[in-house]
Amino acid sequence: MSHNLFETFAAKMRERTDADFITTRDGRRYSYTDALNQSAQLAGALTELGVKQGDRVAVQVDKSPEAILLYLACLRIGGVYLPLNTGYTGDEIRYFLKDAEPALFVCRPKIADEARALAIETGCPAVATLGKSADGSLINAAHKATPREDIVALGERDLAAILYTSGTTGRSKGAMLTHKNLASNAETLVSAWHFSANDRLIHALPIFHTHGLFVACNVTLMAGASMLFLPKFDADIIFEELPRGSVMMGVPTFYTRLVQDERLTPETTANMRLFV
């Protein structure tokens, strides 16, 4: 039996087919079938770029639906996803590339030259770009690649991701997260929060840390729910979307802003069942 987390997600994708997985305010939409198919295309591109089972894929990109599809593609082929804060400087990225030894560094198109120089310096064999408008060399490669329809069989202790600590007591350390770690976390939260396919999550968090990526996205996938992907927290947009959402995840500063706003009323939140 394979414990690849993508196996669980894929079963839900096949069940939910044309239902929304991710939508955006500018009209982009990925159904669950789209996510299944396009993760296969991206998995093919990763393979052609040299990523093999167990290889780390370092990712420092702007928030986009395609970044989530890249995460899924990594899981699919047994790669280890390594999200990096978009605020990290070149010196910080140099440390992470040296420490994690990724097979591929995916960055924003605008820093491609700097990224290639850092890759050469740190021994990272490949660089690809991914922009927030479904652009970049990785997307181009995915269009041309042979899709990877298979899902690599993995054990429950195989790594799914590495997430670096905040470094408050010294250099950041890579915390290794297994497929079982992430699956157990998502299954528990789906149960505790009564998540279902009827939920629509208002997603205004970054996707380079646990809450925005491994909690919000994994729980959505596990339940077959949908996400509205917002680039960042904007109170005006949140109030517009609350009537069409059922769940929101945030940090204390989000809620401080909302509770101080006169627009936060029982009527505005009538459709909301959960704030995390």
C-alpha atoms as a PDB file:
ATOM      1  CA  MET A   1       0.000   0.000   0.000  1.00  0.00           C
ATOM      2  CA  SER A   2       1.320   3.412  -0.954  1.00  0.00           C
ATOM      3  CA  HIS A   3       1.201   6.230   1.580  1.00  0.00           C
ATOM      4  CA  ASN A   4       1.791   8.988  -0.974  1.00  0.00           C
ATOM      5  CA  LEU A   5      -0.469  11.841   0.162  1.00  0.00           C
ATOM      6  CA  PHE A   6      -1.292  12.561  -3.469  1.00  0.00           C
ATOM      7  CA  GLU A   7      -3.096   9.189  -3.652  1.00  0.00           C
ATOM      8  CA  THR A   8      -5.668  10.512  -1.176  1.00  0.00           C
ATOM      9  CA  PHE A   9      -5.968  13.825  -2.993  1.00  0.00           C
ATOM     10  CA  ALA A  10      -6.273  12.120  -6.392  1.00  0.00           C
ATOM     11  CA  ALA A  11      -9.161   9.958  -5.178  1.00  0.00           C
ATOM     12  CA  LYS A  12     -11.038  13.098  -4.149  1.00  0.00           C
ATOM     13  CA  MET A  13     -10.159  14.836  -7.437  1.00  0.00           C
ATOM     14  CA  ARG A  14     -11.645  11.951  -9.426  1.00  0.00           C
ATOM     15  CA  GLU A  15     -14.756  12.085  -7.261  1.00  0.00           C
ATOM     16  CA  ARG A  16     -15.230  15.871  -7.502  1.00  0.00           C
ATOM     17  CA  THR A  17     -14.357  16.143 -11.250  1.00  0.00           C
ATOM     18  CA  ASP A  18     -15.707  19.512 -12.511  1.00  0.00           C
ATOM     19  CA  ALA A  19     -16.266  21.054  -9.066  1.00  0.00           C
ATOM     20  CA  ASP A  20     -14.221  24.151  -8.249  1.00  0.00           C
ATOM     21  CA  PHE A  21     -10.880  23.578  -6.558  1.00  0.00           C
ATOM     22  CA  ILE A  22      -9.320  27.048  -6.838  1.00  0.00           C
ATOM     23  CA  THR A  23     -10.863  30.251  -8.177  1.00  0.00           C
ATOM     24  CA  THR A  24      -9.476  33.785  -8.238  1.00  0.00           C
ATOM     25  CA  ARG A  25     -10.999  37.243  -8.341  1.00  0.00           C
ATOM     26  CA  ASP A  26      -9.627  37.802 -11.839  1.00  0.00           C
ATOM     27  CA  GLY A  27     -11.566  34.867 -13.258  1.00  0.00           C
ATOM     28  CA  ARG A  28      -9.067  32.020 -13.196  1.00  0.00           C
ATOM     29  CA  ARG A  29     -10.588  28.670 -12.288  1.00  0.00           C
ATOM     30  CA  TYR A  30      -9.170  25.216 -11.738  1.00  0.00           C
ATOM     31  CA  SER A  31     -11.593  22.338 -11.317  1.00  0.00           C
ATOM     32  CA  TYR A  32     -10.510  19.165  -9.555  1.00  0.00           C
ATOM     33  CA  THR A  33     -10.068  17.489 -12.943  1.00  0.00           C
ATOM     34  CA  ASP A  34      -7.897  20.429 -14.041  1.00  0.00           C
ATOM     35  CA  ALA A  35      -5.769  19.999 -10.911  1.00  0.00           C
ATOM     36  CA  LEU A  36      -5.351  16.286 -11.579  1.00  0.00           C
ATOM     37  CA  ASN A  37      -4.383  16.804 -15.214  1.00  0.00           C
ATOM     38  CA  GLN A  38      -2.173  19.859 -14.771  1.00  0.00           C
ATOM     39  CA  SER A  39      -0.308  18.375 -11.830  1.00  0.00           C
ATOM     40  CA  ALA A  40       0.546  15.519 -14.229  1.00  0.00           C
ATOM     41  CA  GLN A  41       1.855  18.025 -16.776  1.00  0.00           C
ATOM     42  CA  LEU A  42       3.954  19.774 -14.148  1.00  0.00           C
ATOM     43  CA  ALA A  43       5.178  16.421 -12.854  1.00  0.00           C
ATOM     44  CA  GLY A  44       6.373  15.673 -16.383  1.00  0.00           C
ATOM     45  CA  ALA A  45       8.203  19.001 -16.486  1.00  0.00           C
ATOM     46  CA  LEU A  46       9.843  18.337 -13.105  1.00  0.00           C
ATOM     47  CA  THR A  47      11.004  14.931 -14.347  1.00  0.00           C
ATOM     48  CA  GLU A  48      12.493  16.446 -17.498  1.00  0.00           C
ATOM     49  CA  LEU A  49      14.287  19.013 -15.322  1.00  0.00           C
ATOM     50  CA  GLY A  50      15.956  16.148 -13.456  1.00  0.00           C
ATOM     51  CA  VAL A  51      13.848  15.858 -10.304  1.00  0.00           C
ATOM     52  CA  LYS A  52      13.702  12.299  -8.976  1.00  0.00           C
ATOM     53  CA  GLN A  53      12.047  10.633  -5.987  1.00  0.00           C
ATOM     54  CA  GLY A  54      13.501  12.067  -2.786  1.00  0.00           C
ATOM     55  CA  ASP A  55      14.909  15.191  -4.459  1.00  0.00           C
ATOM     56  CA  ARG A  56      14.184  18.563  -2.903  1.00  0.00           C
ATOM     57  CA  VAL A  57      12.436  21.256  -4.945  1.00  0.00           C
ATOM     58  CA  ALA A  58      13.031  24.724  -3.458  1.00  0.00           C
ATOM     59  CA  VAL A  59      10.251  27.175  -4.341  1.00  0.00           C
ATOM     60  CA  GLN A  60      10.274  30.946  -3.823  1.00  0.00           C
ATOM     61  CA  VAL A  61       7.365  32.274  -5.879  1.00  0.00           C
ATOM     62  CA  ASP A  62       4.436  34.643  -5.560  1.00  0.00           C
ATOM     63  CA  LYS A  63       1.093  33.222  -4.483  1.00  0.00           C
ATOM     64  CA  SER A  64      -0.818  31.674  -7.370  1.00  0.00           C
ATOM     65  CA  PRO A  65      -2.986  28.630  -8.105  1.00  0.00           C
ATOM     66  CA  GLU A  66      -0.128  27.281 -10.226  1.00  0.00           C
ATOM     67  CA  ALA A  67       2.151  27.221  -7.165  1.00  0.00           C
ATOM     68  CA  ILE A  68      -0.309  24.817  -5.514  1.00  0.00           C
ATOM     69  CA  LEU A  69      -0.327  22.664  -8.652  1.00  0.00           C
ATOM     70  CA  LEU A  70       3.483  22.584  -8.427  1.00  0.00           C
ATOM     71  CA  TYR A  71       3.224  21.382  -4.816  1.00  0.00           C
ATOM     72  CA  LEU A  72       0.875  18.624  -5.961  1.00  0.00           C
ATOM     73  CA  ALA A  73       3.227  17.673  -8.796  1.00  0.00           C
ATOM     74  CA  CYS A  74       6.088  17.299  -6.304  1.00  0.00           C
ATOM     75  CA  LEU A  75       4.004  15.004  -4.116  1.00  0.00           C
ATOM     76  CA  ARG A  76       2.947  13.012  -7.151  1.00  0.00           C
ATOM     77  CA  ILE A  77       6.495  12.058  -8.158  1.00  0.00           C
ATOM     78  CA  GLY A  78       7.861  11.650  -4.632  1.00  0.00           C
ATOM     79  CA  GLY A  79       9.733  14.950  -4.620  1.00  0.00           C
ATOM     80  CA  VAL A  80      10.201  16.952  -1.417  1.00  0.00           C
ATOM     81  CA  TYR A  81       8.568  20.384  -1.529  1.00  0.00           C
ATOM     82  CA  LEU A  82      10.537  23.214   0.087  1.00  0.00           C
ATOM     83  CA  PRO A  83       8.591  26.507   0.223  1.00  0.00           C
ATOM     84  CA  LEU A  84      10.614  29.664   0.860  1.00  0.00           C
ATOM     85  CA  ASN A  85       9.384  33.041   2.082  1.00  0.00           C
ATOM     86  CA  THR A  86       9.164  35.554  -0.759  1.00  0.00           C
ATOM     87  CA  GLY A  87      10.767  38.109   1.545  1.00  0.00           C
ATOM     88  CA  TYR A  88      14.034  36.187   1.881  1.00  0.00           C
ATOM     89  CA  THR A  89      17.112  38.006   0.609  1.00  0.00           C
ATOM     90  CA  GLY A  90      19.781  36.612  -1.675  1.00  0.00           C
ATOM     91  CA  ASP A  91      22.029  35.814   1.281  1.00  0.00           C
ATOM     92  CA  GLU A  92      19.232  33.902   2.986  1.00  0.00           C
ATOM     93  CA  ILE A  93      18.415  31.977  -0.187  1.00  0.00           C
ATOM     94  CA  ARG A  94      22.098  31.098  -0.539  1.00  0.00           C
ATOM     95  CA  TYR A  95      21.967  29.457   2.904  1.00  0.00           C
ATOM     96  CA  PHE A  96      18.828  27.446   2.114  1.00  0.00           C
ATOM     97  CA  LEU A  97      20.163  26.222  -1.217  1.00  0.00           C
ATOM     98  CA  LYS A  98      23.426  25.125   0.386  1.00  0.00           C
ATOM     99  CA  ASP A  99      21.709  23.476   3.328  1.00  0.00           C
ATOM    100  CA  ALA A 100      18.855  21.681   1.540  1.00  0.00           C
ATOM    101  CA  GLU A 101      20.782  20.801  -1.643  1.00  0.00           C
ATOM    102  CA  PRO A 102      17.719  20.936  -3.927  1.00  0.00           C
ATOM    103  CA  ALA A 103      17.718  19.430  -7.400  1.00  0.00           C
ATOM    104  CA  LEU A 104      15.681  22.391  -8.645  1.00  0.00           C
ATOM    105  CA  PHE A 105      15.103  25.991  -7.563  1.00  0.00           C
ATOM    106  CA  VAL A 106      11.832  27.521  -8.794  1.00  0.00           C
ATOM    107  CA  CYS A 107      11.789  31.305  -8.501  1.00  0.00           C
ATOM    108  CA  ARG A 108       9.923  34.385  -9.709  1.00  0.00           C
ATOM    109  CA  PRO A 109      10.770  35.411 -13.282  1.00  0.00           C
ATOM    110  CA  LYS A 110      12.055  38.814 -12.179  1.00  0.00           C
ATOM    111  CA  ILE A 111      14.894  37.302 -10.111  1.00  0.00           C
ATOM    112  CA  ALA A 112      15.861  34.600 -12.604  1.00  0.00           C
ATOM    113  CA  ASP A 113      19.375  35.954 -13.235  1.00  0.00           C
ATOM    114  CA  GLU A 114      20.160  36.269  -9.533  1.00  0.00           C
ATOM    115  CA  ALA A 115      18.722  32.795  -8.928  1.00  0.00           C
ATOM    116  CA  ARG A 116      20.891  31.219 -11.619  1.00  0.00           C
ATOM    117  CA  ALA A 117      23.986  32.837 -10.120  1.00  0.00           C
ATOM    118  CA  LEU A 118      23.086  31.517  -6.660  1.00  0.00           C
ATOM    119  CA  ALA A 119      22.405  28.084  -8.113  1.00  0.00           C
ATOM    120  CA  ILE A 120      25.841  27.936  -9.730  1.00  0.00           C
ATOM    121  CA  GLU A 121      27.467  29.104  -6.495  1.00  0.00           C
ATOM    122  CA  THR A 122      25.629  26.558  -4.308  1.00  0.00           C
ATOM    123  CA  GLY A 123      25.699  23.604  -6.687  1.00  0.00           C
ATOM    124  CA  CYS A 124      21.958  23.559  -7.428  1.00  0.00           C
ATOM    125  CA  PRO A 125      21.748  21.891 -10.859  1.00  0.00           C
ATOM    126  CA  ALA A 126      18.624  23.546 -12.287  1.00  0.00           C
ATOM    127  CA  VAL A 127      16.527  26.737 -12.096  1.00  0.00           C
ATOM    128  CA  ALA A 128      13.025  27.335 -13.432  1.00  0.00           C
ATOM    129  CA  THR A 129      10.675  30.294 -13.120  1.00  0.00           C
ATOM    130  CA  LEU A 130       7.008  30.538 -12.180  1.00  0.00           C
ATOM    131  CA  GLY A 131       5.090  33.812 -12.304  1.00  0.00           C
ATOM    132  CA  LYS A 132       1.843  34.753 -10.603  1.00  0.00           C
ATOM    133  CA  SER A 133       0.018  34.992 -13.960  1.00  0.00           C
ATOM    134  CA  ALA A 134       0.587  31.362 -14.989  1.00  0.00           C
ATOM    135  CA  ASP A 135       3.788  32.367 -16.780  1.00  0.00           C
ATOM    136  CA  GLY A 136       7.443  31.394 -16.547  1.00  0.00           C
ATOM    137  CA  SER A 137       9.757  28.715 -17.890  1.00  0.00           C
ATOM    138  CA  LEU A 138       8.208  25.980 -15.714  1.00  0.00           C
ATOM    139  CA  ILE A 139       4.758  26.550 -17.226  1.00  0.00           C
ATOM    140  CA  ASN A 140       6.274  26.573 -20.720  1.00  0.00           C
ATOM    141  CA  ALA A 141       8.052  23.296 -19.961  1.00  0.00           C
ATOM    142  CA  ALA A 142       4.826  21.779 -18.616  1.00  0.00           C
ATOM    143  CA  HIS A 143       2.993  22.565 -21.861  1.00  0.00           C
ATOM    144  CA  LYS A 144       5.618  20.595 -23.798  1.00  0.00           C
ATOM    145  CA  ALA A 145       6.304  17.806 -21.315  1.00  0.00           C
ATOM    146  CA  THR A 146       4.973  14.263 -21.421  1.00  0.00           C
ATOM    147  CA  PRO A 147       2.517  14.078 -18.501  1.00  0.00           C
ATOM    148  CA  ARG A 148       3.358  11.870 -15.520  1.00  0.00           C
ATOM    149  CA  GLU A 149       0.034  10.115 -14.931  1.00  0.00           C
ATOM    150  CA  ASP A 150       1.563   7.742 -12.384  1.00  0.00           C
ATOM    151  CA  ILE A 151       1.715   8.357  -8.643  1.00  0.00           C
ATOM    152  CA  VAL A 152       4.965   7.158  -7.069  1.00  0.00           C
ATOM    153  CA  ALA A 153       4.435   4.576  -4.328  1.00  0.00           C
ATOM    154  CA  LEU A 154       5.869   5.785  -1.021  1.00  0.00           C
ATOM    155  CA  GLY A 155       6.098   4.734   2.594  1.00  0.00           C
ATOM    156  CA  GLU A 156       4.460   6.735   5.372  1.00  0.00           C
ATOM    157  CA  ARG A 157       7.860   7.944   6.578  1.00  0.00           C
ATOM    158  CA  ASP A 158       8.984   9.226   3.187  1.00  0.00           C
ATOM    159  CA  LEU A 159       9.443  12.979   3.127  1.00  0.00           C
ATOM    160  CA  ALA A 160       6.769  15.161   1.557  1.00  0.00           C
ATOM    161  CA  ALA A 161       8.184  18.565   2.484  1.00  0.00           C
ATOM    162  CA  ILE A 162      10.807  20.486   4.378  1.00  0.00           C
ATOM    163  CA  LEU A 163       9.783  23.650   6.186  1.00  0.00           C
ATOM    164  CA  TYR A 164      12.496  25.847   7.665  1.00  0.00           C
ATOM    165  CA  THR A 165      12.106  27.196  11.196  1.00  0.00           C
ATOM    166  CA  SER A 166      12.098  30.911  11.931  1.00  0.00           C
ATOM    167  CA  GLY A 167      15.682  30.845  13.172  1.00  0.00           C
ATOM    168  CA  THR A 168      15.078  32.670  16.463  1.00  0.00           C
ATOM    169  CA  THR A 169      17.834  30.745  18.259  1.00  0.00           C
ATOM    170  CA  GLY A 170      20.319  30.582  15.416  1.00  0.00           C
ATOM    171  CA  ARG A 171      20.294  29.477  11.795  1.00  0.00           C
ATOM    172  CA  SER A 172      16.969  28.210  10.448  1.00  0.00           C
ATOM    173  CA  LYS A 173      16.689  24.436  10.558  1.00  0.00           C
ATOM    174  CA  GLY A 174      14.842  22.296   8.039  1.00  0.00           C
ATOM    175  CA  ALA A 175      11.937  20.488   9.728  1.00  0.00           C
ATOM    176  CA  MET A 176      11.248  17.297   7.791  1.00  0.00           C
ATOM    177  CA  LEU A 177       7.565  16.510   7.229  1.00  0.00           C
ATOM    178  CA  THR A 178       6.524  13.053   6.071  1.00  0.00           C
ATOM    179  CA  HIS A 179       3.523  12.045   3.987  1.00  0.00           C
ATOM    180  CA  LYS A 180       2.022  10.526   7.149  1.00  0.00           C
ATOM    181  CA  ASN A 181       2.617  13.774   9.074  1.00  0.00           C
ATOM    182  CA  LEU A 182       0.694  15.851   6.556  1.00  0.00           C
ATOM    183  CA  ALA A 183      -2.049  13.266   6.013  1.00  0.00           C
ATOM    184  CA  SER A 184      -2.669  12.837   9.752  1.00  0.00           C
ATOM    185  CA  ASN A 185      -2.799  16.601  10.279  1.00  0.00           C
ATOM    186  CA  ALA A 186      -5.277  17.168   7.442  1.00  0.00           C
ATOM    187  CA  GLU A 187      -7.505  14.213   8.387  1.00  0.00           C
ATOM    188  CA  THR A 188      -7.683  15.410  11.989  1.00  0.00           C
ATOM    189  CA  LEU A 189      -8.567  18.986  11.023  1.00  0.00           C
ATOM    190  CA  VAL A 190     -11.200  17.915   8.486  1.00  0.00           C
ATOM    191  CA  SER A 191     -12.869  15.990  11.310  1.00  0.00           C
ATOM    192  CA  ALA A 192     -12.428  18.656  14.004  1.00  0.00           C
ATOM    193  CA  TRP A 193     -13.639  21.486  11.785  1.00  0.00           C
ATOM    194  CA  HIS A 194     -16.392  19.435  10.061  1.00  0.00           C
ATOM    195  CA  PHE A 195     -15.033  20.331   6.629  1.00  0.00           C
ATOM    196  CA  SER A 196     -17.051  19.077   3.663  1.00  0.00           C
ATOM    197  CA  ALA A 197     -17.266  19.423  -0.085  1.00  0.00           C
ATOM    198  CA  ASN A 198     -19.818  22.204   0.469  1.00  0.00           C
ATOM    199  CA  ASP A 199     -17.259  24.510   2.071  1.00  0.00           C
ATOM    200  CA  ARG A 200     -15.730  27.482   0.288  1.00  0.00           C
ATOM    201  CA  LEU A 201     -12.562  28.749   1.958  1.00  0.00           C
ATOM    202  CA  ILE A 202     -11.578  32.405   1.681  1.00  0.00           C
ATOM    203  CA  HIS A 203      -7.792  32.030   1.390  1.00  0.00           C
ATOM    204  CA  ALA A 204      -5.878  35.243   2.082  1.00  0.00           C
ATOM    205  CA  LEU A 205      -2.764  33.719   3.687  1.00  0.00           C
ATOM    206  CA  PRO A 206       0.722  33.298   2.188  1.00  0.00           C
ATOM    207  CA  ILE A 207       1.503  29.792   0.924  1.00  0.00           C
ATOM    208  CA  PHE A 208       5.083  29.467   2.143  1.00  0.00           C
ATOM    209  CA  HIS A 209       4.211  28.408   5.693  1.00  0.00           C
ATOM    210  CA  THR A 210       2.200  25.746   7.499  1.00  0.00           C
ATOM    211  CA  HIS A 211      -1.119  27.555   7.840  1.00  0.00           C
ATOM    212  CA  GLY A 212      -1.550  28.780   4.289  1.00  0.00           C
ATOM    213  CA  LEU A 213      -0.173  25.678   2.579  1.00  0.00           C
ATOM    214  CA  PHE A 214      -0.321  22.532   4.673  1.00  0.00           C
ATOM    215  CA  VAL A 215      -3.413  23.432   6.698  1.00  0.00           C
ATOM    216  CA  ALA A 216      -5.575  25.441   4.299  1.00  0.00           C
ATOM    217  CA  CYS A 217      -4.784  23.639   1.057  1.00  0.00           C
ATOM    218  CA  ASN A 218      -4.446  20.097   2.398  1.00  0.00           C
ATOM    219  CA  VAL A 219      -7.698  20.335   4.350  1.00  0.00           C
ATOM    220  CA  THR A 220      -9.495  21.690   1.275  1.00  0.00           C
ATOM    221  CA  LEU A 221      -8.133  18.860  -0.858  1.00  0.00           C
ATOM    222  CA  MET A 222      -8.929  16.197   1.722  1.00  0.00           C
ATOM    223  CA  ALA A 223     -12.544  17.369   1.935  1.00  0.00           C
ATOM    224  CA  GLY A 224     -13.048  18.131  -1.751  1.00  0.00           C
ATOM    225  CA  ALA A 225     -13.937  21.722  -0.847  1.00  0.00           C
ATOM    226  CA  SER A 226     -13.112  24.869  -2.815  1.00  0.00           C
ATOM    227  CA  MET A 227     -10.846  27.872  -2.248  1.00  0.00           C
ATOM    228  CA  LEU A 228     -11.049  31.490  -3.303  1.00  0.00           C
ATOM    229  CA  PHE A 229      -7.402  32.465  -3.690  1.00  0.00           C
ATOM    230  CA  LEU A 230      -6.683  36.094  -2.758  1.00  0.00           C
ATOM    231  CA  PRO A 231      -3.173  37.548  -3.274  1.00  0.00           C
ATOM    232  CA  LYS A 232      -3.176  39.025   0.239  1.00  0.00           C
ATOM    233  CA  PHE A 233      -5.466  40.202   3.017  1.00  0.00           C
ATOM    234  CA  ASP A 234      -7.588  43.169   1.956  1.00  0.00           C
ATOM    235  CA  ALA A 235     -10.471  43.999   4.297  1.00  0.00           C
ATOM    236  CA  ASP A 236     -12.609  45.530   1.533  1.00  0.00           C
ATOM    237  CA  ILE A 237     -12.345  42.382  -0.583  1.00  0.00           C
ATOM    238  CA  ILE A 238     -12.927  40.118   2.418  1.00  0.00           C
ATOM    239  CA  PHE A 239     -16.208  41.884   3.181  1.00  0.00           C
ATOM    240  CA  GLU A 240     -17.261  41.487  -0.442  1.00  0.00           C
ATOM    241  CA  GLU A 241     -16.528  37.755  -0.330  1.00  0.00           C
ATOM    242  CA  LEU A 242     -17.887  36.802   3.108  1.00  0.00           C
ATOM    243  CA  PRO A 243     -21.440  36.248   1.796  1.00  0.00           C
ATOM    244  CA  ARG A 244     -20.062  33.699  -0.710  1.00  0.00           C
ATOM    245  CA  GLY A 245     -17.712  31.912   1.689  1.00  0.00           C
ATOM    246  CA  SER A 246     -18.245  29.471   4.528  1.00  0.00           C
ATOM    247  CA  VAL A 247     -14.762  29.343   6.092  1.00  0.00           C
ATOM    248  CA  MET A 248     -11.908  31.796   6.505  1.00  0.00           C
ATOM    249  CA  MET A 249      -8.428  31.154   7.851  1.00  0.00           C
ATOM    250  CA  GLY A 250      -6.265  33.983   9.111  1.00  0.00           C
ATOM    251  CA  VAL A 251      -3.819  35.331  11.661  1.00  0.00           C
ATOM    252  CA  PRO A 252      -4.770  37.577  14.613  1.00  0.00           C
ATOM    253  CA  THR A 253      -4.049  40.791  12.702  1.00  0.00           C
ATOM    254  CA  PHE A 254      -6.674  39.809  10.102  1.00  0.00           C
ATOM    255  CA  TYR A 255      -9.351  39.481  12.748  1.00  0.00           C
ATOM    256  CA  THR A 256      -8.280  42.621  14.600  1.00  0.00           C
ATOM    257  CA  ARG A 257      -8.937  44.537  11.385  1.00  0.00           C
ATOM    258  CA  LEU A 258     -12.295  42.857  10.823  1.00  0.00           C
ATOM    259  CA  VAL A 259     -13.699  43.261  14.340  1.00  0.00           C
ATOM    260  CA  GLN A 260     -12.852  46.976  14.294  1.00  0.00           C
ATOM    261  CA  ASP A 261     -14.856  47.448  11.090  1.00  0.00           C
ATOM    262  CA  GLU A 262     -18.525  48.420  11.265  1.00  0.00           C
ATOM    263  CA  ARG A 263     -19.220  46.193   8.259  1.00  0.00           C
ATOM    264  CA  LEU A 264     -18.738  43.091  10.422  1.00  0.00           C
ATOM    265  CA  THR A 265     -22.373  42.293  11.172  1.00  0.00           C
ATOM    266  CA  PRO A 266     -24.523  39.170  11.637  1.00  0.00           C
ATOM    267  CA  GLU A 267     -25.870  39.790   8.142  1.00  0.00           C
ATOM    268  CA  THR A 268     -22.419  39.978   6.555  1.00  0.00           C
ATOM    269  CA  THR A 269     -21.340  36.723   8.176  1.00  0.00           C
ATOM    270  CA  ALA A 270     -24.644  34.857   7.833  1.00  0.00           C
ATOM    271  CA  ASN A 271     -23.147  32.248   5.482  1.00  0.00           C
ATOM    272  CA  MET A 272     -19.896  31.826   7.429  1.00  0.00           C
ATOM    273  CA  ARG A 273     -19.679  28.783   9.690  1.00  0.00           C
ATOM    274  CA  LEU A 274     -16.026  28.905  10.761  1.00  0.00           C
ATOM    275  CA  PHE A 275     -13.232  31.413  11.330  1.00  0.00           C
ATOM    276  CA  VAL A 276      -9.837  29.835  12.083  1.00  0.00           C
END
